Protein backbone atom coordinates (compact mmCIF):
# COMPACT_ATOMS: atom_id res chain seq x y z
CA MET A 1 3.67 -43.98 -28.71
CA ALA A 2 1.35 -41.43 -28.77
CA ILE A 3 -0.51 -39.13 -26.10
CA ASP A 4 -3.51 -40.93 -24.82
CA TYR A 5 -5.89 -38.26 -24.46
CA ASP A 6 -8.46 -39.49 -21.73
CA LYS A 7 -5.24 -41.60 -19.71
CA LEU A 8 -3.61 -38.45 -19.29
CA MET A 9 -6.37 -35.99 -18.71
CA ASN A 10 -7.18 -38.64 -15.79
CA LEU A 11 -3.84 -38.92 -14.46
CA LYS A 12 -3.69 -38.80 -10.37
CA LEU A 13 -0.57 -36.79 -9.70
CA PRO A 14 1.03 -37.38 -6.18
CA GLU A 15 0.64 -35.04 -3.52
CA ILE A 16 3.67 -33.74 -2.77
CA ARG A 17 4.23 -32.11 1.20
CA GLN A 18 7.00 -29.61 1.29
CA THR A 19 8.83 -28.22 4.88
CA LEU A 20 9.41 -25.06 3.98
CA THR A 21 12.31 -23.53 6.21
CA GLN A 22 14.02 -19.83 6.56
CA LYS A 23 17.07 -21.35 4.89
CA ASP A 24 15.07 -22.64 1.37
CA THR A 25 13.59 -18.98 1.61
CA MET A 26 16.71 -16.76 1.73
CA LEU A 27 18.32 -19.32 -0.92
CA TYR A 28 15.39 -18.68 -3.17
CA ALA A 29 15.90 -14.95 -3.05
CA LEU A 30 19.63 -15.13 -3.23
CA GLY A 31 19.33 -17.28 -6.58
CA LEU A 32 17.42 -14.20 -7.92
CA GLY A 33 20.60 -12.09 -6.78
CA LEU A 34 18.80 -10.18 -4.05
CA GLY A 35 21.64 -8.66 -1.38
CA ALA A 36 24.04 -7.83 -3.83
CA ASP A 37 23.87 -4.37 -2.21
CA PRO A 38 24.54 -5.02 1.58
CA LEU A 39 23.29 -1.27 2.34
CA ASP A 40 19.97 -1.90 0.94
CA GLU A 41 17.59 -3.27 4.04
CA LYS A 42 14.77 -3.29 1.86
CA GLN A 43 15.95 -6.57 -0.15
CA LEU A 44 17.91 -7.38 3.24
CA ARG A 45 14.58 -8.82 4.50
CA PHE A 46 14.46 -11.52 2.07
CA VAL A 47 17.71 -12.96 2.41
CA TYR A 48 18.05 -12.31 6.35
CA GLU A 49 16.31 -14.22 9.37
CA LYS A 50 15.90 -11.19 10.93
CA ASP A 51 11.81 -10.14 9.93
CA LEU A 52 12.20 -12.71 7.21
CA GLN A 53 9.79 -12.28 4.07
CA ALA A 54 9.26 -14.55 1.12
CA LEU A 55 9.25 -12.94 -2.27
CA PRO A 56 5.76 -13.56 -3.68
CA THR A 57 7.60 -15.32 -7.22
CA MET A 58 9.00 -18.04 -4.85
CA ALA A 59 5.38 -19.37 -5.53
CA VAL A 60 6.79 -21.13 -8.64
CA VAL A 61 9.27 -23.38 -6.83
CA LEU A 62 6.93 -24.80 -3.95
CA ALA A 63 6.15 -28.16 -3.48
CA PRO A 64 6.28 -28.98 -7.23
CA THR A 65 5.84 -32.93 -8.52
CA GLY A 66 9.00 -32.76 -10.62
CA PHE A 67 9.32 -33.56 -14.55
CA ILE A 68 6.40 -35.82 -15.14
CA TRP A 69 6.73 -36.09 -18.76
CA LYS A 70 9.81 -38.35 -18.79
CA ASP A 71 7.91 -41.34 -18.12
CA PRO A 72 7.61 -43.27 -21.17
CA ALA A 73 3.92 -44.15 -20.56
CA HIS A 74 2.56 -40.95 -21.19
CA GLY A 75 3.61 -40.99 -24.67
CA VAL A 76 5.49 -37.47 -24.85
CA ASP A 77 8.79 -36.53 -26.75
CA TRP A 78 10.55 -34.88 -23.29
CA ARG A 79 13.14 -33.55 -25.17
CA LYS A 80 11.57 -31.42 -27.34
CA LEU A 81 9.19 -30.12 -24.73
CA LEU A 82 9.18 -26.37 -24.29
CA HIS A 83 7.94 -24.14 -20.62
CA GLY A 84 6.27 -22.10 -22.85
CA GLU A 85 4.02 -19.93 -20.10
CA GLN A 86 3.99 -19.78 -16.31
CA GLY A 87 1.66 -17.44 -14.12
CA PHE A 88 0.58 -17.60 -10.34
CA GLU A 89 -1.99 -15.71 -8.25
CA LEU A 90 -1.60 -15.46 -4.44
CA HIS A 91 -4.29 -16.04 -2.45
CA ARG A 92 -2.51 -15.09 0.67
CA PRO A 93 1.03 -14.25 1.63
CA ILE A 94 3.31 -16.91 1.27
CA PRO A 95 5.15 -17.78 4.68
CA ALA A 96 8.97 -17.97 5.19
CA GLU A 97 8.71 -20.88 6.95
CA GLY A 98 6.06 -24.08 7.20
CA GLU A 99 4.20 -27.01 6.31
CA ILE A 100 3.66 -26.78 2.52
CA VAL A 101 1.09 -29.02 0.07
CA GLY A 102 1.07 -28.81 -3.69
CA ARG A 103 -1.56 -31.09 -5.42
CA THR A 104 -0.88 -30.55 -9.53
CA ARG A 105 -3.17 -31.63 -12.27
CA ILE A 106 -3.25 -31.38 -16.21
CA ALA A 107 -6.22 -28.66 -16.72
CA ALA A 108 -6.10 -29.12 -20.27
CA LEU A 109 -4.35 -30.84 -23.59
CA ILE A 110 -4.69 -28.93 -27.09
CA ASP A 111 -3.76 -30.85 -29.91
CA LYS A 112 -2.62 -28.23 -32.66
CA GLY A 113 -1.74 -30.66 -35.83
CA LYS A 114 0.83 -33.65 -36.36
CA GLU A 115 3.44 -30.50 -37.48
CA LYS A 116 2.63 -28.27 -35.08
CA GLY A 117 2.79 -29.87 -31.92
CA ALA A 118 0.78 -29.78 -28.85
CA LEU A 119 0.01 -27.84 -25.44
CA ALA A 120 -0.63 -29.26 -21.95
CA LEU A 121 -1.74 -26.93 -19.06
CA ILE A 122 -0.99 -27.51 -16.24
CA GLU A 123 -2.20 -26.25 -12.92
CA ARG A 124 -0.73 -26.39 -9.07
CA THR A 125 -2.42 -25.65 -6.15
CA ILE A 126 -0.10 -24.52 -3.19
CA SER A 127 -1.76 -24.76 0.56
CA ASP A 128 -0.81 -24.77 4.02
CA GLY A 129 -0.29 -27.64 5.43
CA THR A 130 -1.61 -27.15 8.86
CA SER A 131 -4.30 -24.78 8.44
CA GLY A 132 -5.40 -26.58 4.59
CA GLU A 133 -5.83 -22.40 3.16
CA THR A 134 -5.01 -22.03 -0.19
CA ILE A 135 -1.79 -20.03 -0.80
CA ALA A 136 -1.11 -19.88 -4.69
CA THR A 137 -2.57 -21.30 -7.75
CA LEU A 138 0.06 -21.82 -10.38
CA THR A 139 -0.66 -22.45 -14.20
CA SER A 140 1.76 -23.36 -16.43
CA THR A 141 1.65 -24.09 -20.30
CA SER A 142 4.05 -26.71 -21.88
CA PHE A 143 5.07 -26.69 -25.60
CA MET A 144 5.09 -30.53 -26.81
CA ARG A 145 6.59 -29.84 -30.20
CA GLY A 146 6.69 -33.37 -31.18
CA ASP A 147 3.64 -34.84 -29.96
CA GLY A 148 0.72 -33.05 -32.07
CA GLY A 149 -1.79 -35.09 -34.02
CA PHE A 150 -3.27 -37.12 -31.47
CA GLY A 151 -6.43 -36.91 -31.76
CA GLY A 152 -7.86 -34.39 -29.30
CA PRO A 153 -9.46 -30.69 -28.67
CA SER A 154 -7.64 -28.35 -30.86
CA GLY A 155 -8.55 -25.43 -28.64
CA PRO A 156 -9.15 -22.58 -26.55
CA THR A 157 -5.81 -21.85 -26.50
CA PRO A 158 -4.50 -19.40 -24.05
CA GLU A 159 -4.90 -15.62 -25.91
CA PRO A 160 -1.54 -13.56 -24.58
CA HIS A 161 -1.66 -10.21 -22.99
CA VAL A 162 -1.33 -7.47 -25.39
CA LEU A 163 1.22 -5.02 -24.28
CA PRO A 164 0.84 -1.18 -24.36
CA THR A 165 2.19 0.79 -27.27
CA ARG A 166 3.92 3.19 -25.72
CA ALA A 167 7.38 4.00 -24.77
CA PRO A 168 7.61 1.80 -20.82
CA ASP A 169 6.86 4.05 -17.82
CA ALA A 170 9.56 2.45 -15.57
CA ILE A 171 12.77 0.46 -16.78
CA PHE A 172 14.90 -1.69 -14.26
CA GLU A 173 18.08 -3.69 -15.06
CA GLN A 174 19.75 -6.17 -13.16
CA LYS A 175 22.86 -8.19 -14.23
CA THR A 176 22.77 -11.70 -13.19
CA LEU A 177 25.71 -13.75 -11.79
CA PRO A 178 28.12 -15.83 -13.71
CA GLN A 179 27.28 -18.68 -11.30
CA GLN A 180 23.40 -17.76 -10.88
CA ALA A 181 22.09 -20.65 -12.24
CA LEU A 182 24.37 -22.76 -9.96
CA ILE A 183 22.34 -20.98 -7.13
CA TYR A 184 19.04 -20.68 -8.52
CA ARG A 185 19.15 -24.79 -9.07
CA LEU A 186 19.05 -25.54 -5.34
CA SER A 187 15.96 -24.23 -5.09
CA GLY A 188 14.68 -27.44 -6.84
CA ASP A 189 15.41 -27.82 -10.65
CA TYR A 190 18.22 -30.23 -10.99
CA ASN A 191 17.95 -30.10 -14.82
CA PRO A 192 21.96 -30.39 -16.14
CA LEU A 193 21.31 -28.03 -18.66
CA HIS A 194 21.95 -25.43 -16.44
CA ALA A 195 24.91 -26.64 -14.63
CA GLU A 196 27.04 -28.98 -17.72
CA PRO A 197 28.57 -27.58 -20.67
CA GLU A 198 28.16 -30.79 -22.25
CA VAL A 199 24.59 -31.11 -21.61
CA ALA A 200 23.70 -27.95 -22.97
CA THR A 201 26.22 -27.87 -26.04
CA HIS A 202 23.78 -31.03 -27.03
CA ALA A 203 20.87 -28.94 -26.32
CA GLY A 204 22.09 -26.17 -29.22
CA PHE A 205 23.63 -23.54 -26.34
CA ARG A 206 26.73 -22.20 -26.51
CA GLN A 207 26.79 -22.85 -22.34
CA PRO A 208 24.34 -23.49 -19.58
CA ILE A 209 21.47 -21.29 -19.59
CA LEU A 210 19.53 -19.78 -16.99
CA HIS A 211 16.61 -21.43 -15.68
CA GLY A 212 13.05 -19.76 -17.21
CA LEU A 213 11.62 -19.58 -13.61
CA CYS A 214 14.98 -17.52 -12.43
CA SER A 215 14.09 -15.20 -15.56
CA LEU A 216 10.63 -14.76 -14.45
CA GLY A 217 12.08 -13.86 -10.87
CA VAL A 218 14.07 -11.18 -11.91
CA ALA A 219 11.37 -9.66 -13.63
CA GLY A 220 9.43 -10.18 -10.62
CA HIS A 221 11.91 -8.75 -8.52
CA ALA A 222 12.19 -5.37 -10.63
CA ILE A 223 8.04 -5.08 -10.46
CA LEU A 224 8.12 -5.52 -6.29
CA ARG A 225 10.74 -3.02 -6.20
CA THR A 226 9.67 -0.13 -9.03
CA VAL A 227 5.75 -0.66 -8.56
CA CYS A 228 5.12 -2.10 -4.77
CA ASP A 229 8.29 -0.55 -2.99
CA TYR A 230 9.45 -3.90 -1.78
CA ASP A 231 5.81 -4.97 0.03
CA PRO A 232 5.29 -8.75 -0.80
CA LYS A 233 1.68 -8.27 0.21
CA ARG A 234 1.12 -5.89 -2.96
CA MET A 235 1.74 -8.51 -5.43
CA LYS A 236 -1.16 -10.09 -6.40
CA SER A 237 -1.04 -12.51 -9.60
CA LEU A 238 1.95 -12.38 -12.47
CA LYS A 239 1.86 -14.36 -15.79
CA LEU A 240 3.93 -14.07 -18.71
CA ARG A 241 5.79 -15.87 -21.63
CA PHE A 242 8.69 -17.36 -22.28
CA SER A 243 10.18 -16.23 -25.51
CA SER A 244 14.28 -16.88 -25.30
CA PRO A 245 16.66 -18.10 -22.90
CA VAL A 246 19.01 -15.96 -20.96
CA TYR A 247 23.22 -17.09 -20.04
CA PRO A 248 24.22 -16.29 -16.69
CA GLY A 249 26.22 -13.13 -16.38
CA GLU A 250 23.84 -11.13 -18.56
CA THR A 251 21.48 -8.18 -17.81
CA ILE A 252 17.96 -8.45 -17.68
CA ARG A 253 16.31 -5.21 -18.56
CA THR A 254 12.54 -5.39 -17.43
CA GLU A 255 10.16 -2.79 -19.16
CA MET A 256 7.25 -2.04 -17.11
CA TRP A 257 3.97 -0.24 -18.20
CA VAL A 258 1.88 0.99 -14.84
CA ASP A 259 -2.10 1.39 -15.33
CA GLY A 260 -3.70 1.25 -12.14
CA LYS A 261 -3.47 -2.21 -11.00
CA ASP A 262 -2.23 -3.75 -14.09
CA VAL A 263 1.43 -4.06 -14.68
CA SER A 264 2.34 -4.81 -18.42
CA PHE A 265 5.89 -5.86 -18.72
CA ARG A 266 8.60 -7.61 -20.88
CA ALA A 267 12.13 -8.07 -20.36
CA ARG A 268 14.97 -8.26 -22.30
CA VAL A 269 19.00 -9.18 -22.69
CA VAL A 270 20.91 -6.04 -22.97
CA GLU A 271 24.10 -7.37 -24.32
CA ARG A 272 21.87 -9.52 -26.93
CA ASP A 273 18.97 -7.06 -27.50
CA ILE A 274 16.68 -10.23 -27.54
CA VAL A 275 13.64 -10.08 -25.29
CA VAL A 276 13.19 -13.18 -23.49
CA LEU A 277 9.95 -12.60 -21.41
CA ASN A 278 7.23 -11.60 -23.43
CA ASN A 279 3.66 -10.27 -22.86
CA GLY A 280 3.81 -10.18 -18.87
CA LEU A 281 0.84 -9.01 -16.87
CA ALA A 282 1.41 -8.82 -13.02
CA ARG A 283 -1.63 -7.53 -10.91
CA VAL A 284 -0.74 -5.02 -7.34
CA ALA A 285 -2.55 -3.74 -4.72
């Protein structure tokens, strides 16, 4: 079954309500590796209930609709789908607890051709469930490798942010935990690819891989630490491209270029010297 462009563009996805607890907020930060240094009080504020604050990157796990592409009625070969890009813009700081509402829509479908696949651009708005005030706007791009040639528009496609050519202004390295994917999945992404060796092997990996959004969170933490002095109110937006998976236990090196409010960045795995996050741009206050 091929993609029905009009049907997908008019798809009404359910509104998601989430009761965010302090435990959720702390568990998300622990899933990124914060709290490793018991004497680091700046990290403690994200993993301990006293004066608890939410990490800016937690926006990516709030009130998701789940994996919509598995429904055969959508005509998508979900086994060939890749998470290509992710971004978020914060309109106000994320609360450490409270009622959250998520509303998701398909913003665009781009047909790259029968042999080149298709792109789905998704937008999710996160709001305060009590006041209705918008907290964050999230954008993501799914690369549907097996679904091109359905007759949809061929563009425009998002342009990647171009990184500076000079040497990075700052570098931060963080070694991930061998069990990090098993912790991070408790924030809502239960894909067995990140837990079951057999599933990972079938997908072509030597072992379960780290969630792409966890890698994003590690890079976001590097920027928050290095550029924002752990003040979550200073991070306003972030976007990047996923370029390669990370295996739990590997070291992620985030390379940053600081130009005023713009922080360009990429991340690479030290052990394999391979870029895993690319074309990154964060905006800070």
